[in-house]
Each structure stands twice: as C-alpha cells, then as structure tokens.
Amino acid sequence: MVVTEHKHEALKSLLDNDLYKFTMQHAALKHYKRDIPVVYQFTNREKDLRLNAAAVQWLEKQIEDMRLLELTETEREYMSGLPFFDKEYVDYLSEFRYKPSEQIMTKFDEITGDFELEVSGKWHETILYEVPLLALISEAYFRFTDCDWNYEGQVERAVQKTRALLEHGCVFSEFGTRRRRDFKTHDLVMKAIHVTNEDYKQVCAKEGTTPKGNVAGTSNVFLAMKYNVPAIGTVAHEFFMAVSALEGVQHANRKTLEIWNNVYNGQLAIALTDTFTTAVFLRDFDYELASKFAGVRQDSGNAIDFINTMVHHYKSIGIDPNTKTIVFSDSLNVQRAIDLYDHSAKAGIKCSFGIGTSLTNDFQKASDQSLKSKALNIVIKLKVCDGKRVIKLSDDSLKHSADAATIAAFKRELGITN
C-alpha cells in the first residue's frame, strides 16, 4: 500500500494517532447530537524532566502546523474499510481540521522550566488532540533537552522482545504512540515487530506447528495502514469521565458501556474498569452487561489482584472466565507480560497485552550504555465537560487526576470509603 506523507515535521498524518481517539469521536458524534464544551489539561508526572526553551519553540511550531493535517484519499479509503465506522463519520473526518490557534493554550516559564498546556473547545473537535500532542511533547524533549541517545540497537531490541513474547505464547499489540521517542523510532520498532511476527509464522508453517503467540496489531492507525496490520483500540477513561458529567457519576460505567454497545453492536467490546476504581465498576458490571463484552482492560493497580478479582467476579455472576479476556496495558515490559500470561493461564482466563513505552521509548544513554535515557511520564486528561469538573479515580492513587478536595468529593458521591 502506498502511504502519502504530509508536510509536517513530526506528525506523519491525521491518522498518526491511536484508534481509540477515533472510535470515541465517532461514538460521541453518534450518541450526543449537540456541541459539548470541554477542557483538557496537560500534566508532567516527572517534575525533574522538563522542556527547555528550544524544545518549547519547536513544539509550538509543530502544534501550529497541525492545522495542515487532513485525510488523504488513500486514508479515506482505509477508514471506510474499517467495519465499525459508518460513511457519515468518514465524511466528517474527511472535512476535519485541527484548530490549534483557537483550541490550544501553552505557557512556558524559562526560569522554572514549568510548561503548561490546555485544550478547550467542542468535544467532538478536540478529542483527537491528546495522543499526537503527547507524542510531540515527548519528541520535543528528546530533540532538545535529553540529546544523549541514538537509534543504535532499536531494531534488534524490538526483534528480541517480540520473539520472547511470541515464543512464550503472548498475544500483544504495540501501544506506544503517546510516549514514543519520535516517529522514526516508532516506525523502526513497528516494522521490526511486524517482520518478526511474519517470520515467526512462516517458520511455524514450515515446521507444521501452531504459532504460540501473535502480534495482534498496533494502536497507531497510520502504522496499521502502512504495515497492513489490524488497528487496535476501544475506549479510554475520557469517555467514562465525560459521561459522568453528562449523565451523572453514580452509574457512569453502566451508561458508558450501554452507549458503547449501542454504537458498536458488540464490536470493540473490551470494557475499561478503573475510571472510578474497579470496585465501583463491578457494581454495575452484572451478567447482562458483562455478557455483551468480550473482556476487560486493566490499566492501573495490582495486576495479579485484578486477575483474581475478575475471575471471582465472572464466576459470581454465572460467566465462565475462560470465555473472557483481560487486556493488560499498565506499564508493561516483556517479563511483566510473561508473568501475567502465566498467572492468567493458571487462573483460567484469557489475556492479551498492549505494550507502549517499553517498545517505543526504551533507550540507554549514548555516552554510557549502563545508564537509562528515561522516558517522560506525561498525560493529557479531560478536566471539564459541559461546565462540570470531571476526574479519573484510578486503582492507583498516583494516577488520580485532581486535587485532594475534588477527589474526596467524588469519593463521597460514589460511596468510596478508603
């Protein structure tokens, strides 16, 4: 397939984004027939890793140039071929343009190194910003602040990781767009993963054996198109958070999953559990609802405890855990994925993995290979929806997305005592 690249230094396409941004945009447009004002806020969780003035200058130019991105005819055909998008949405996306001058505010203090970014506008227009903005911020940092690295060994490292996962029986997807070192790294790594998987399947075919593991695809739609692999993704915390403002927080999990099922009719059926803690999620995840979803995604907290919790919950509502899947996506590396695969198999539930930073931002210092070139830990979270404050109450308190008073207020409303 011929892929047309756009005249943008760092983002290669409007589709250089994670699938779940498009699936959420589509669902928002289908279900909510009005303009909903929202605000997103950037947070740098690693305060000692800061942008410098040159990085911010480059970043602001890249953000300004996002207005130039548009769907090509090849990309339109590709999106039309995905079974979960209707023609109306593809038509909408063909006309879509980012409006960074209207919708993005940045602020940089050269003395302290503090960088602020806020996105505001209509939900269906601003929903696509998060992932490409995070990718640009990461690339800015590694172009201008931490320059002590190179691409040496990236392909070999990706090949080794892929082989180890496949040979152990793991099914995994590449999830590394948001915190990649840069697009070049992402492309090198994804190509290596894809080629290694194809080689592995060919060897198995020659030997007459069944492949143990598999590369399910990539979350990045542009690279999925480029390498002719499945685009992988469902829904993010953002959608649950928005629904909590629009429909009420008490049963936001149930309402979100009902909306999702109505839009996608059983496709993209992996339920995210930890927007307001998994314990709260399971109050609503009864037999009727759980039967409509192929499985759940674990994105925070103790993964082993999560396996045991989900197996127990499925059994308690009369569902065989062996018929369901856990998708793990929290801070994974090869060894952690292998350990979780083994524990899931022992517990009697299927699993797969979305592996991000460990694939697309795993570097050593060029000047000293014994030292890690540390990746950023950055997020952009929905802060306000339809005039109401929204938050994420994760299974990991370090991932809560608000101040203590706001967190306490939401906990009271949801009946969370700890």
Protein backbone atom coordinates (compact mmCIF):
# COMPACT_ATOMS: atom_id res chain seq x y z
CA MET A 1 0.00 0.00 0.00
CA VAL A 2 1.31 3.45 -0.93
CA VAL A 3 1.14 5.80 2.03
CA THR A 4 1.19 9.53 1.36
CA GLU A 5 3.13 11.53 3.94
CA HIS A 6 2.11 15.05 4.87
CA LYS A 7 4.30 18.14 5.13
CA HIS A 8 4.59 18.02 8.89
CA GLU A 9 7.96 17.55 10.54
CA ALA A 10 6.91 15.18 13.30
CA LEU A 11 3.32 14.01 12.73
CA LYS A 12 3.02 11.98 9.56
CA SER A 13 -0.72 12.00 9.07
CA LEU A 14 -4.08 12.84 10.59
CA LEU A 15 -4.14 9.09 11.26
CA ASP A 16 -0.87 9.25 13.22
CA ASN A 17 -2.98 8.78 16.33
CA ASP A 18 -4.41 5.93 18.40
CA LEU A 19 -7.53 4.16 17.18
CA TYR A 20 -9.48 4.77 20.36
CA LYS A 21 -9.43 8.52 19.77
CA PHE A 22 -11.33 7.95 16.52
CA THR A 23 -13.70 5.36 17.99
CA MET A 24 -14.55 7.74 20.86
CA GLN A 25 -15.01 10.65 18.45
CA HIS A 26 -17.33 8.52 16.33
CA ALA A 27 -19.34 7.40 19.38
CA ALA A 28 -19.61 10.96 20.71
CA LEU A 29 -20.92 12.17 17.35
CA LYS A 30 -23.37 9.26 17.05
CA HIS A 31 -24.80 9.46 20.56
CA TYR A 32 -24.63 13.13 21.51
CA LYS A 33 -26.26 15.31 18.90
CA ARG A 34 -25.03 18.62 20.31
CA ASP A 35 -21.82 20.55 20.82
CA ILE A 36 -20.35 19.77 24.25
CA PRO A 37 -17.70 22.17 25.58
CA VAL A 38 -14.67 20.52 27.21
CA VAL A 39 -11.27 21.39 28.67
CA TYR A 40 -8.23 19.08 28.71
CA GLN A 41 -5.15 19.66 30.87
CA PHE A 42 -1.54 18.50 30.46
CA THR A 43 0.33 17.03 33.44
CA ASN A 44 4.01 16.10 33.67
CA ARG A 45 4.28 13.41 36.35
CA GLU A 46 8.11 13.55 36.30
CA LYS A 47 8.81 17.05 37.57
CA ASP A 48 12.59 16.67 37.16
CA LEU A 49 12.24 16.08 33.40
CA ARG A 50 11.43 19.44 31.85
CA LEU A 51 11.38 21.02 28.41
CA ASN A 52 13.81 23.82 27.64
CA ALA A 53 13.17 26.98 25.62
CA ALA A 54 14.32 25.43 22.32
CA ALA A 55 12.07 22.42 22.85
CA VAL A 56 9.05 24.63 23.53
CA GLN A 57 9.76 26.78 20.47
CA TRP A 58 9.92 23.70 18.23
CA LEU A 59 6.85 22.20 19.91
CA GLU A 60 4.74 25.31 19.41
CA LYS A 61 5.62 25.30 15.70
CA GLN A 62 4.58 21.64 15.41
CA ILE A 63 1.31 22.39 17.19
CA GLU A 64 0.64 25.32 14.88
CA ASP A 65 1.26 23.09 11.85
CA MET A 66 -1.34 20.55 13.00
CA ARG A 67 -3.85 22.71 11.14
CA LEU A 68 -2.33 21.39 7.88
CA LEU A 69 -3.19 17.76 8.56
CA GLU A 70 -6.08 16.32 6.58
CA LEU A 71 -7.26 12.92 5.43
CA THR A 72 -5.82 11.82 2.09
CA GLU A 73 -7.89 9.84 -0.39
CA THR A 74 -5.91 6.69 0.45
CA GLU A 75 -6.58 7.24 4.13
CA ARG A 76 -10.26 7.85 3.49
CA GLU A 77 -10.49 4.52 1.68
CA TYR A 78 -8.71 2.82 4.56
CA MET A 79 -11.02 4.30 7.20
CA SER A 80 -14.06 3.39 5.07
CA GLY A 81 -12.86 -0.21 5.13
CA LEU A 82 -12.89 -0.47 8.92
CA PRO A 83 -16.10 -2.29 9.86
CA PHE A 84 -17.03 -0.14 12.86
CA PHE A 85 -17.11 3.30 11.17
CA ASP A 86 -20.08 4.45 9.11
CA LYS A 87 -19.95 6.64 5.99
CA GLU A 88 -21.25 9.66 7.89
CA TYR A 89 -18.26 9.55 10.23
CA VAL A 90 -15.71 9.06 7.44
CA ASP A 91 -17.27 12.05 5.65
CA TYR A 92 -16.92 14.06 8.87
CA LEU A 93 -13.28 13.03 9.24
CA SER A 94 -12.56 13.99 5.63
CA GLU A 95 -13.62 17.55 6.44
CA PHE A 96 -11.98 17.62 9.88
CA ARG A 97 -9.20 20.12 10.57
CA TYR A 98 -7.36 20.85 13.79
CA LYS A 99 -7.73 24.45 15.02
CA PRO A 100 -4.70 24.83 17.31
CA SER A 101 -4.69 28.64 17.34
CA GLU A 102 -8.25 28.60 18.71
CA GLN A 103 -8.15 25.48 20.86
CA ILE A 104 -4.69 25.17 22.40
CA MET A 105 -3.09 27.38 25.03
CA THR A 106 0.55 26.92 26.07
CA LYS A 107 2.61 28.69 28.70
CA PHE A 108 6.31 28.29 29.48
CA ASP A 109 8.37 29.72 32.32
CA GLU A 110 12.02 29.78 31.23
CA ILE A 111 13.22 30.28 34.80
CA THR A 112 11.43 27.35 36.42
CA GLY A 113 11.01 25.21 33.29
CA ASP A 114 7.31 24.80 34.03
CA PHE A 115 5.30 24.06 30.89
CA GLU A 116 1.51 24.28 30.78
CA LEU A 117 -0.84 23.18 28.02
CA GLU A 118 -4.62 23.30 27.88
CA VAL A 119 -7.03 22.28 25.13
CA SER A 120 -10.54 23.70 25.03
CA GLY A 121 -13.40 23.58 22.55
CA LYS A 122 -16.14 21.27 21.33
CA TRP A 123 -15.66 17.68 22.49
CA HIS A 124 -16.01 16.12 19.04
CA GLU A 125 -13.37 18.50 17.65
CA THR A 126 -10.83 18.42 20.49
CA ILE A 127 -11.00 14.68 21.23
CA LEU A 128 -8.24 13.89 18.71
CA TYR A 129 -5.57 16.16 20.24
CA GLU A 130 -4.41 14.13 23.25
CA VAL A 131 -2.21 11.44 21.70
CA PRO A 132 -0.45 13.49 18.99
CA LEU A 133 0.21 16.31 21.46
CA LEU A 134 1.80 13.88 23.92
CA ALA A 135 3.90 12.39 21.12
CA LEU A 136 5.06 15.88 20.12
CA ILE A 137 5.93 16.85 23.70
CA SER A 138 7.99 13.68 24.11
CA GLU A 139 9.77 14.26 20.82
CA ALA A 140 10.49 17.89 21.73
CA TYR A 141 12.11 16.80 24.99
CA PHE A 142 14.35 14.25 23.28
CA ARG A 143 15.29 16.59 20.44
CA PHE A 144 16.37 19.48 22.63
CA THR A 145 16.64 18.56 26.32
CA ASP A 146 17.93 14.99 26.52
CA CYS A 147 20.02 14.54 23.38
CA ASP A 148 22.31 11.85 24.81
CA TRP A 149 20.90 8.94 22.80
CA ASN A 150 20.83 7.42 19.31
CA TYR A 151 18.90 4.81 17.32
CA GLU A 152 21.55 2.13 17.58
CA GLY A 153 20.12 -1.22 18.64
CA GLN A 154 16.47 -0.22 18.45
CA VAL A 155 15.56 -2.74 15.74
CA GLU A 156 17.48 -5.55 17.40
CA ARG A 157 15.87 -4.78 20.75
CA ALA A 158 12.37 -4.82 19.24
CA VAL A 159 13.10 -8.14 17.50
CA GLN A 160 14.31 -9.74 20.74
CA LYS A 161 11.27 -8.55 22.70
CA THR A 162 8.86 -9.72 20.01
CA ARG A 163 10.44 -13.16 19.79
CA ALA A 164 10.38 -13.61 23.55
CA LEU A 165 6.68 -12.72 23.73
CA LEU A 166 5.68 -14.84 20.75
CA GLU A 167 7.61 -17.90 21.87
CA HIS A 168 6.01 -17.73 25.30
CA GLY A 169 2.53 -17.62 23.77
CA CYS A 170 1.66 -13.96 24.36
CA VAL A 171 -0.76 -12.08 22.11
CA PHE A 172 0.22 -8.41 22.14
CA SER A 173 -0.26 -5.10 20.37
CA GLU A 174 2.05 -2.12 20.04
CA PHE A 175 0.57 0.77 22.07
CA GLY A 176 3.45 3.24 22.03
CA THR A 177 2.28 6.39 20.19
CA ARG A 178 1.77 8.74 23.13
CA ARG A 179 5.20 8.37 24.73
CA ARG A 180 7.36 7.43 21.76
CA ARG A 181 10.80 8.96 21.44
CA ASP A 182 9.90 10.18 17.98
CA PHE A 183 8.12 8.95 14.87
CA LYS A 184 11.31 7.44 13.42
CA THR A 185 11.71 5.23 16.50
CA HIS A 186 8.04 4.26 16.36
CA ASP A 187 8.28 3.28 12.70
CA LEU A 188 11.53 1.33 13.18
CA VAL A 189 10.09 -0.58 16.10
CA MET A 190 6.73 -1.33 14.49
CA LYS A 191 8.39 -2.58 11.31
CA ALA A 192 10.67 -4.85 13.35
CA ILE A 193 7.71 -6.20 15.35
CA HIS A 194 5.72 -6.88 12.17
CA VAL A 195 8.58 -8.53 10.27
CA THR A 196 9.48 -10.69 13.27
CA ASN A 197 5.88 -11.84 13.63
CA GLU A 198 5.61 -12.71 9.93
CA ASP A 199 8.93 -14.60 10.06
CA TYR A 200 7.76 -16.47 13.15
CA LYS A 201 4.52 -17.54 11.46
CA GLN A 202 6.43 -18.71 8.36
CA VAL A 203 8.82 -20.80 10.45
CA CYS A 204 5.88 -22.37 12.27
CA ALA A 205 4.19 -23.14 8.94
CA LYS A 206 7.33 -24.85 7.62
CA GLU A 207 7.64 -26.88 10.79
CA GLY A 208 3.94 -27.74 10.77
CA THR A 209 3.43 -26.26 14.22
CA THR A 210 0.84 -23.80 15.51
CA PRO A 211 2.23 -20.38 16.47
CA LYS A 212 2.16 -19.93 20.25
CA GLY A 213 1.79 -16.14 20.28
CA ASN A 214 0.80 -13.41 17.87
CA VAL A 215 1.12 -9.70 17.22
CA ALA A 216 -2.50 -8.54 17.21
CA GLY A 217 -1.66 -5.15 15.65
CA THR A 218 -0.92 -1.57 16.65
CA SER A 219 -2.93 1.20 18.25
CA ASN A 220 -1.49 3.67 15.73
CA VAL A 221 -3.88 3.91 12.77
CA PHE A 222 -1.29 5.30 10.34
CA LEU A 223 1.15 2.47 11.05
CA ALA A 224 -1.64 -0.11 10.97
CA MET A 225 -2.43 1.10 7.46
CA LYS A 226 1.25 1.25 6.45
CA TYR A 227 2.06 -2.29 7.58
CA ASN A 228 -1.36 -3.80 6.79
CA VAL A 229 -1.96 -4.99 10.35
CA PRO A 230 -5.07 -4.54 12.50
CA ALA A 231 -5.64 -1.19 14.19
CA ILE A 232 -6.27 -1.98 17.86
CA GLY A 233 -8.21 0.03 20.42
CA THR A 234 -11.57 0.55 22.06
CA VAL A 235 -12.33 3.23 24.66
CA ALA A 236 -10.35 5.39 27.11
CA HIS A 237 -11.06 6.84 30.57
CA GLU A 238 -12.03 10.10 28.88
CA PHE A 239 -15.33 8.71 27.62
CA PHE A 240 -16.39 7.46 31.06
CA MET A 241 -15.37 10.82 32.56
CA ALA A 242 -17.42 12.75 30.01
CA VAL A 243 -20.45 10.53 30.56
CA SER A 244 -20.16 11.13 34.32
CA ALA A 245 -20.69 14.85 33.64
CA LEU A 246 -23.41 14.38 31.04
CA GLU A 247 -25.38 11.54 32.67
CA GLY A 248 -24.32 11.56 36.33
CA VAL A 249 -21.39 9.88 38.05
CA GLN A 250 -23.33 7.25 40.03
CA HIS A 251 -23.76 4.82 37.15
CA ALA A 252 -21.40 6.36 34.60
CA ASN A 253 -19.72 2.99 33.99
CA ARG A 254 -23.00 1.29 33.08
CA LYS A 255 -24.20 4.20 30.95
CA THR A 256 -20.89 4.39 29.08
CA LEU A 257 -20.89 0.68 28.28
CA GLU A 258 -24.51 0.83 27.16
CA ILE A 259 -23.74 3.75 24.83
CA TRP A 260 -20.68 1.89 23.52
CA ASN A 261 -22.63 -1.28 22.85
CA ASN A 262 -25.43 0.63 21.14
CA VAL A 263 -22.96 2.35 18.80
CA TYR A 264 -20.74 -0.66 18.05
CA ASN A 265 -23.13 -3.62 18.43
CA GLY A 266 -20.64 -5.99 20.03
CA GLN A 267 -17.55 -4.77 18.19
CA LEU A 268 -14.64 -3.16 20.10
CA ALA A 269 -16.04 -4.92 23.17
CA ILE A 270 -13.33 -4.52 25.80
CA ALA A 271 -14.53 -2.67 28.90
CA LEU A 272 -12.17 -0.34 30.79
CA THR A 273 -12.65 -0.84 34.52
CA ASP A 274 -10.68 1.72 36.52
CA THR A 275 -12.01 5.20 35.71
CA PHE A 276 -13.72 5.35 39.11
CA THR A 277 -11.92 2.30 40.58
CA THR A 278 -12.59 -1.28 39.59
CA ALA A 279 -14.59 -1.88 42.76
CA VAL A 280 -17.14 0.76 41.67
CA PHE A 281 -17.11 -0.59 38.11
CA LEU A 282 -18.01 -4.10 39.23
CA ARG A 283 -21.18 -2.83 40.96
CA ASP A 284 -22.63 -2.22 37.50
CA PHE A 285 -20.87 -4.99 35.58
CA ASP A 286 -23.61 -7.59 36.04
CA TYR A 287 -24.38 -10.67 33.93
CA GLU A 288 -26.41 -8.74 31.35
CA LEU A 289 -23.67 -6.16 30.76
CA ALA A 290 -20.68 -8.48 31.08
CA SER A 291 -22.22 -10.85 28.53
CA LYS A 292 -22.05 -8.11 25.91
CA PHE A 293 -18.31 -7.51 26.33
CA ALA A 294 -15.50 -9.86 25.32
CA GLY A 295 -13.44 -8.82 28.29
CA VAL A 296 -11.94 -6.00 30.33
CA ARG A 297 -8.81 -3.83 30.29
CA GLN A 298 -6.52 -3.48 33.31
CA ASP A 299 -4.70 -0.14 33.36
CA SER A 300 -3.78 0.53 36.99
CA GLY A 301 -3.35 -1.08 40.39
CA ASN A 302 -2.08 -4.57 41.18
CA ALA A 303 -2.45 -6.72 38.07
CA ILE A 304 -2.30 -10.05 39.91
CA ASP A 305 -5.04 -8.93 42.28
CA PHE A 306 -7.03 -7.79 39.23
CA ILE A 307 -6.84 -11.24 37.64
CA ASN A 308 -8.13 -12.87 40.79
CA THR A 309 -10.84 -10.23 41.20
CA MET A 310 -12.13 -10.63 37.65
CA VAL A 311 -12.10 -14.43 37.75
CA HIS A 312 -14.06 -14.35 41.01
CA HIS A 313 -16.47 -11.72 39.65
CA TYR A 314 -17.20 -13.60 36.43
CA LYS A 315 -17.87 -16.78 38.39
CA SER A 316 -20.11 -14.91 40.86
CA ILE A 317 -22.38 -13.68 38.04
CA GLY A 318 -22.52 -17.05 36.30
CA ILE A 319 -19.98 -16.47 33.50
CA ASP A 320 -17.10 -18.86 32.72
CA PRO A 321 -13.87 -16.80 32.97
CA ASN A 322 -12.33 -18.97 30.23
CA THR A 323 -14.69 -17.27 27.76
CA LYS A 324 -13.39 -13.80 28.64
CA THR A 325 -10.14 -11.87 28.12
CA ILE A 326 -8.14 -9.41 30.21
CA VAL A 327 -6.21 -6.85 28.18
CA PHE A 328 -3.26 -5.61 30.24
CA SER A 329 -1.96 -2.12 29.38
CA ASP A 330 -0.30 -0.75 32.52
CA SER A 331 3.48 -0.14 32.45
CA LEU A 332 4.27 -3.40 30.69
CA ASN A 333 7.59 -4.85 29.65
CA VAL A 334 8.40 -8.31 28.30
CA GLN A 335 8.98 -10.04 31.64
CA ARG A 336 5.92 -8.47 33.25
CA ALA A 337 3.75 -9.58 30.31
CA ILE A 338 5.11 -13.13 30.51
CA ASP A 339 4.45 -13.29 34.25
CA LEU A 340 0.88 -12.03 33.78
CA TYR A 341 0.31 -14.50 30.95
CA ASP A 342 1.33 -17.37 33.22
CA HIS A 343 -0.82 -16.17 36.10
CA SER A 344 -3.85 -15.65 33.84
CA ALA A 345 -3.49 -19.13 32.37
CA LYS A 346 -3.28 -20.63 35.86
CA ALA A 347 -6.31 -18.63 37.00
CA GLY A 348 -8.35 -19.74 33.99
CA ILE A 349 -8.85 -16.56 31.96
CA LYS A 350 -7.50 -15.47 28.57
CA CYS A 351 -5.27 -12.43 28.22
CA SER A 352 -3.54 -10.11 25.77
CA PHE A 353 -1.24 -7.13 26.13
CA GLY A 354 -0.95 -3.54 24.94
CA ILE A 355 2.72 -2.62 25.29
CA GLY A 356 3.74 1.01 24.81
CA THR A 357 6.68 2.88 26.30
CA SER A 358 8.77 -0.27 26.72
CA LEU A 359 8.70 -0.70 22.94
CA THR A 360 8.83 2.86 21.58
CA ASN A 361 10.92 4.65 24.22
CA ASP A 362 13.44 2.15 25.56
CA PHE A 363 16.87 3.79 25.29
CA GLN A 364 20.22 3.92 27.04
CA LYS A 365 22.44 6.99 27.25
CA ALA A 366 24.72 7.17 24.20
CA SER A 367 27.57 8.36 26.42
CA ASP A 368 27.16 5.50 28.91
CA GLN A 369 25.22 2.40 27.92
CA SER A 370 24.84 1.41 31.55
CA LEU A 371 22.54 4.39 32.15
CA LYS A 372 18.90 4.60 31.12
CA SER A 373 17.69 7.51 28.99
CA LYS A 374 14.49 7.92 30.96
CA ALA A 375 11.15 8.32 29.16
CA LEU A 376 8.73 11.07 30.11
CA ASN A 377 5.65 10.23 32.18
CA ILE A 378 3.13 12.67 30.74
CA VAL A 379 -0.65 12.70 30.37
CA ILE A 380 -3.40 14.92 28.99
CA LYS A 381 -6.68 14.35 30.83
CA LEU A 382 -10.19 15.66 30.46
CA LYS A 383 -10.72 18.27 33.19
CA VAL A 384 -14.09 19.92 32.46
CA CYS A 385 -17.02 18.59 30.43
CA ASP A 386 -20.17 20.61 29.78
CA GLY A 387 -19.14 23.01 32.55
CA LYS A 388 -18.64 20.28 35.16
CA ARG A 389 -15.37 19.16 36.76
CA VAL A 390 -14.53 15.56 35.89
CA ILE A 391 -11.84 13.32 37.29
CA LYS A 392 -10.29 9.89 36.99
CA LEU A 393 -10.24 7.85 40.21
CA SER A 394 -7.74 5.17 39.32
CA ASP A 395 -6.92 1.91 41.10
CA ASP A 396 -3.56 3.62 41.68
CA SER A 397 -3.88 6.81 43.75
CA LEU A 398 -0.84 8.29 41.97
CA LYS A 399 -2.92 8.34 38.78
CA HIS A 400 -5.83 10.30 40.26
CA SER A 401 -6.39 13.37 38.08
CA ALA A 402 -7.45 16.07 40.55
CA ASP A 403 -6.63 17.80 43.82
CA ALA A 404 -7.37 16.15 47.18
CA ALA A 405 -10.59 18.09 47.83
CA THR A 406 -12.08 17.21 44.44
CA ILE A 407 -11.08 13.57 44.84
CA ALA A 408 -12.70 13.46 48.28
CA ALA A 409 -15.94 14.93 46.93
CA PHE A 410 -16.17 12.35 44.13
CA LYS A 411 -15.36 9.54 46.55
CA ARG A 412 -18.20 10.62 48.81
CA GLU A 413 -20.63 10.68 45.90
CA LEU A 414 -19.55 7.21 44.81
CA GLY A 415 -19.55 5.80 48.33
CA ILE A 416 -15.80 5.03 48.31
CA THR A 417 -14.62 4.90 51.92
CA ASN A 418 -10.87 4.26 51.55
